[in-house]
């Protein structure tokens, strides 16, 4: 049976987290009536992440395993999962166990009245440097793009598949998805979610390795938003004149 809900998780060098992550996601959705698929995308890991993914896939038929031969980045891993997914609804979260899958049911319920639901980490379990960097990035996005979302760095999200039709795939899109969906006329909600400290693996985040790319992305997204067609706005109702009716 074709799955109605696809959960996409990008992973790079997260070997110890693979099994508990898969177990927690499936447990969180045990009362979900829709058919599900869990898509684990290994982004060219150099540890045993791919081996661990294949192990959990053998134990659970709802898991699908995808692999990049070399690292192409988080956005590319997500997009690979999006293209392979089959559900009308898609959920995403990080593979480091800092996002809590237990938040997914409430987010899926909230999706009934919008196009995308985004998590907001109200009590972040990150270093002070990372929290300050995120605050500066939020200010820069609000100043440059004229729209403010509290936590675009949180990848715990659920959305209708239709929103992908108006999104351009590019390296860095995962940080701008709520802004781009809003720019296309979509309804985006934010809701508080739990955030856990990292217990295994190493963070891929660095201030200096993101600063230049973040500025470049802001310029590009600003240009795109000024030219974006609002694909998620319902078309005008047909009038008698348009249909030829009397």
Protein backbone atom coordinates (compact mmCIF):
# COMPACT_ATOMS: atom_id res chain seq x y z
CA UNK A 1 0.00 0.00 0.00
CA UNK A 2 1.30 3.45 -0.90
CA UNK A 3 2.37 5.39 2.21
CA UNK A 4 0.48 8.59 3.00
CA UNK A 5 3.11 9.97 5.38
CA UNK A 6 6.84 10.13 4.64
CA UNK A 7 9.40 10.95 7.33
CA UNK A 8 12.74 12.06 5.88
CA UNK A 9 15.90 12.11 8.00
CA UNK A 10 19.34 13.18 6.67
CA UNK A 11 22.30 11.61 8.48
CA UNK A 12 26.04 12.10 8.30
CA UNK A 13 28.36 10.31 10.73
CA UNK A 14 25.51 9.53 13.15
CA UNK A 15 26.13 5.79 13.50
CA UNK A 16 25.30 5.46 17.24
CA UNK A 17 22.08 7.43 16.76
CA UNK A 18 20.55 5.46 13.88
CA UNK A 19 18.85 2.64 15.80
CA UNK A 20 17.43 4.73 18.68
CA UNK A 21 16.30 7.40 16.23
CA UNK A 22 14.38 4.95 14.05
CA UNK A 23 12.87 3.28 17.11
CA UNK A 24 11.75 6.61 18.61
CA UNK A 25 10.19 7.86 15.37
CA UNK A 26 8.16 4.69 14.80
CA UNK A 27 7.08 4.63 18.46
CA UNK A 28 5.97 8.27 18.32
CA UNK A 29 3.77 7.48 15.30
CA UNK A 30 2.34 4.19 16.55
CA UNK A 31 -1.18 5.71 16.79
CA UNK A 32 -0.96 7.36 13.38
CA UNK A 33 -3.60 5.81 11.13
CA UNK A 34 -1.94 6.74 7.87
CA UNK A 35 0.51 4.37 6.23
CA UNK A 36 4.08 5.54 6.85
CA UNK A 37 7.55 5.27 5.39
CA UNK A 38 10.73 6.31 7.18
CA UNK A 39 13.40 7.43 4.71
CA UNK A 40 16.94 7.51 6.13
CA UNK A 41 19.41 9.30 3.86
CA UNK A 42 23.11 8.74 4.50
CA UNK A 43 25.02 11.76 3.23
CA UNK A 44 28.37 10.15 2.49
CA UNK A 45 29.19 9.20 6.07
CA UNK A 46 32.72 8.06 6.90
CA UNK A 47 31.68 6.07 9.97
CA UNK A 48 29.28 3.10 10.19
CA UNK A 49 26.09 5.13 9.63
CA UNK A 50 25.25 3.34 6.36
CA UNK A 51 25.78 -0.09 7.93
CA UNK A 52 23.52 0.85 10.84
CA UNK A 53 20.83 2.12 8.43
CA UNK A 54 20.87 -1.18 6.54
CA UNK A 55 20.57 -3.07 9.83
CA UNK A 56 17.44 -1.19 10.94
CA UNK A 57 15.99 -1.52 7.44
CA UNK A 58 16.27 -5.29 7.62
CA UNK A 59 14.38 -5.26 10.91
CA UNK A 60 11.60 -2.87 9.83
CA UNK A 61 9.85 -2.96 6.45
CA UNK A 62 8.70 0.66 6.66
CA UNK A 63 12.29 1.93 6.54
CA UNK A 64 13.87 2.91 3.23
CA UNK A 65 17.62 3.44 2.94
CA UNK A 66 19.20 5.97 0.56
CA UNK A 67 22.90 6.71 0.21
CA UNK A 68 25.14 9.45 -1.21
CA UNK A 69 28.52 8.08 -2.23
CA UNK A 70 30.08 11.36 -1.04
CA UNK A 71 28.79 14.13 1.18
CA UNK A 72 26.63 16.63 -0.68
CA UNK A 73 25.27 18.51 2.32
CA UNK A 74 22.12 18.48 4.41
CA UNK A 75 19.96 20.21 1.82
CA UNK A 76 20.92 17.68 -0.85
CA UNK A 77 20.22 14.78 1.50
CA UNK A 78 16.79 16.18 2.29
CA UNK A 79 16.02 16.75 -1.38
CA UNK A 80 17.06 13.18 -2.21
CA UNK A 81 14.57 12.02 0.42
CA UNK A 82 11.86 14.34 -0.90
CA UNK A 83 12.24 13.03 -4.44
CA UNK A 84 12.09 9.42 -3.26
CA UNK A 85 9.16 9.98 -0.89
CA UNK A 86 5.63 8.91 -1.78
CA UNK A 87 3.49 10.47 0.94
CA UNK A 88 1.11 13.41 0.50
CA UNK A 89 2.47 14.66 3.83
CA UNK A 90 6.18 14.89 4.60
CA UNK A 91 7.91 15.27 7.96
CA UNK A 92 11.58 16.03 8.56
CA UNK A 93 13.89 16.01 11.56
CA UNK A 94 17.60 15.88 12.24
CA UNK A 95 19.45 12.62 12.83
CA UNK A 96 21.30 13.67 16.00
CA UNK A 97 18.47 12.89 18.48
CA UNK A 98 18.20 16.55 19.47
CA UNK A 99 14.76 16.82 17.83
CA UNK A 100 12.09 14.82 19.68
CA UNK A 101 9.89 12.60 17.46
CA UNK A 102 7.24 12.75 20.20
CA UNK A 103 6.38 16.24 18.91
CA UNK A 104 5.33 14.91 15.49
CA UNK A 105 1.72 13.87 16.30
CA UNK A 106 0.78 17.37 17.52
CA UNK A 107 2.48 18.95 14.50
CA UNK A 108 0.63 16.61 12.14
CA UNK A 109 -2.66 17.58 13.79
CA UNK A 110 -1.84 21.29 13.38
CA UNK A 111 -1.17 20.76 9.67
CA UNK A 112 -4.93 20.42 9.12
CA UNK A 113 -5.21 24.22 9.05
CA UNK A 114 -2.06 25.23 7.18
CA UNK A 115 0.53 24.16 4.61
CA UNK A 116 3.58 23.81 6.88
CA UNK A 117 4.20 23.48 10.61
CA UNK A 118 7.67 24.38 11.90
CA UNK A 119 9.13 23.57 15.29
CA UNK A 120 10.57 26.29 17.52
CA UNK A 121 13.20 25.20 20.03
CA UNK A 122 12.11 27.30 23.01
CA UNK A 123 14.69 25.78 25.39
CA UNK A 124 17.66 25.08 23.16
CA UNK A 125 20.27 22.64 24.40
CA UNK A 126 23.12 24.21 22.43
CA UNK A 127 26.26 26.17 23.23
CA UNK A 128 26.06 29.92 23.83
CA UNK A 129 28.01 30.55 20.62
CA UNK A 130 25.47 28.60 18.58
CA UNK A 131 22.50 30.34 20.21
CA UNK A 132 24.02 33.77 19.64
CA UNK A 133 24.82 32.88 16.02
CA UNK A 134 21.20 31.83 15.49
CA UNK A 135 19.93 35.10 16.97
CA UNK A 136 22.18 37.11 14.64
CA UNK A 137 21.05 35.00 11.66
CA UNK A 138 17.39 35.62 12.57
CA UNK A 139 18.01 39.38 12.68
CA UNK A 140 19.78 39.24 9.30
CA UNK A 141 16.94 37.26 7.70
CA UNK A 142 14.30 39.64 9.07
CA UNK A 143 16.25 42.69 7.90
CA UNK A 144 17.07 41.35 4.44
CA UNK A 145 13.88 39.44 3.65
CA UNK A 146 11.20 41.36 5.55
CA UNK A 147 9.74 38.25 7.16
CA UNK A 148 10.41 36.84 10.60
CA UNK A 149 10.33 33.22 11.68
CA UNK A 150 11.64 32.44 15.14
CA UNK A 151 13.69 29.34 14.37
CA UNK A 152 14.32 28.47 10.72
CA UNK A 153 17.27 26.38 11.89
CA UNK A 154 14.94 23.82 13.45
CA UNK A 155 14.44 20.99 10.98
CA UNK A 156 11.55 19.40 12.86
CA UNK A 157 8.79 20.20 10.35
CA UNK A 158 5.72 18.73 8.72
CA UNK A 159 4.23 19.98 5.46
CA UNK A 160 1.99 19.11 2.56
CA UNK A 161 3.81 17.70 -0.42
CA UNK A 162 2.36 20.43 -2.65
CA UNK A 163 4.68 23.05 -1.12
CA UNK A 164 7.65 21.43 -2.85
CA UNK A 165 6.28 22.49 -6.24
CA UNK A 166 7.20 26.11 -5.56
CA UNK A 167 10.63 25.53 -4.03
CA UNK A 168 13.94 25.73 -5.91
CA UNK A 169 16.43 23.07 -4.77
CA UNK A 170 19.72 24.65 -3.71
CA UNK A 171 22.44 24.11 -1.15
CA UNK A 172 21.04 25.75 1.97
CA UNK A 173 17.33 25.45 1.24
CA UNK A 174 16.68 23.67 4.55
CA UNK A 175 17.36 26.96 6.38
CA UNK A 176 14.90 28.92 4.22
CA UNK A 177 12.00 26.52 3.64
CA UNK A 178 9.47 28.34 5.89
CA UNK A 179 10.36 31.68 4.27
CA UNK A 180 10.04 30.29 0.75
CA UNK A 181 6.74 28.55 1.51
CA UNK A 182 5.41 31.81 2.98
CA UNK A 183 6.66 33.68 -0.08
CA UNK A 184 4.74 31.29 -2.34
CA UNK A 185 1.52 32.16 -0.52
CA UNK A 186 1.55 29.20 1.87
CA UNK A 187 0.26 29.26 5.42
CA UNK A 188 3.08 28.52 7.86
CA UNK A 189 2.57 27.89 11.58
CA UNK A 190 5.19 27.71 14.29
CA UNK A 191 4.86 25.68 17.49
CA UNK A 192 7.15 25.01 20.46
CA UNK A 193 9.03 21.71 20.42
CA UNK A 194 11.42 19.89 22.72
CA UNK A 195 15.16 20.09 22.15
CA UNK A 196 17.61 17.60 23.65
CA UNK A 197 21.38 17.91 24.15
CA UNK A 198 23.53 15.87 21.78
CA UNK A 199 24.65 12.62 23.40
CA UNK A 200 26.55 10.94 20.54
CA UNK A 201 28.30 11.93 17.34
CA UNK A 202 29.80 15.31 16.49
CA UNK A 203 28.06 18.52 15.45
CA UNK A 204 28.55 19.64 11.85
CA UNK A 205 27.78 23.24 12.77
CA UNK A 206 30.48 25.89 12.72
CA UNK A 207 30.19 29.67 12.84
CA UNK A 208 32.88 30.42 10.28
CA UNK A 209 31.96 27.65 7.85
CA UNK A 210 28.42 29.07 7.58
CA UNK A 211 28.90 32.84 7.76
CA UNK A 212 29.95 33.48 4.15
CA UNK A 213 27.48 30.99 2.72
CA UNK A 214 24.69 32.45 4.86
CA UNK A 215 25.26 35.93 3.44
CA UNK A 216 25.38 34.55 -0.10
CA UNK A 217 22.15 32.62 0.49
CA UNK A 218 20.40 35.70 1.87
CA UNK A 219 21.18 37.65 -1.29
CA UNK A 220 19.96 34.82 -3.50
CA UNK A 221 16.75 34.22 -1.53
CA UNK A 222 15.95 37.96 -1.49
CA UNK A 223 16.28 37.98 -5.29
CA UNK A 224 14.09 34.88 -5.62
CA UNK A 225 11.34 36.16 -3.32
CA UNK A 226 10.97 39.33 -5.39
CA UNK A 227 10.29 37.20 -8.47
CA UNK A 228 8.53 34.21 -6.94
CA UNK A 229 5.11 33.27 -8.27
CA UNK A 230 2.66 32.58 -5.44
CA UNK A 231 1.89 28.97 -6.37
CA UNK A 232 0.08 28.18 -3.10
CA UNK A 233 -2.56 30.91 -3.40
CA UNK A 234 -5.93 29.40 -4.43
CA UNK A 235 -6.93 30.48 -7.96
CA UNK A 236 -9.77 32.97 -8.33
CA UNK A 237 -13.17 31.36 -8.57
CA UNK A 238 -14.54 31.14 -12.07
CA UNK A 239 -17.12 33.77 -12.96
CA UNK A 240 -20.07 33.31 -15.31
CA UNK A 241 -18.26 35.45 -17.87
CA UNK A 242 -15.20 33.22 -17.72
CA UNK A 243 -17.19 30.01 -18.12
CA UNK A 244 -19.52 31.34 -20.76
CA UNK A 245 -22.57 30.89 -18.56
CA UNK A 246 -25.47 33.32 -18.82
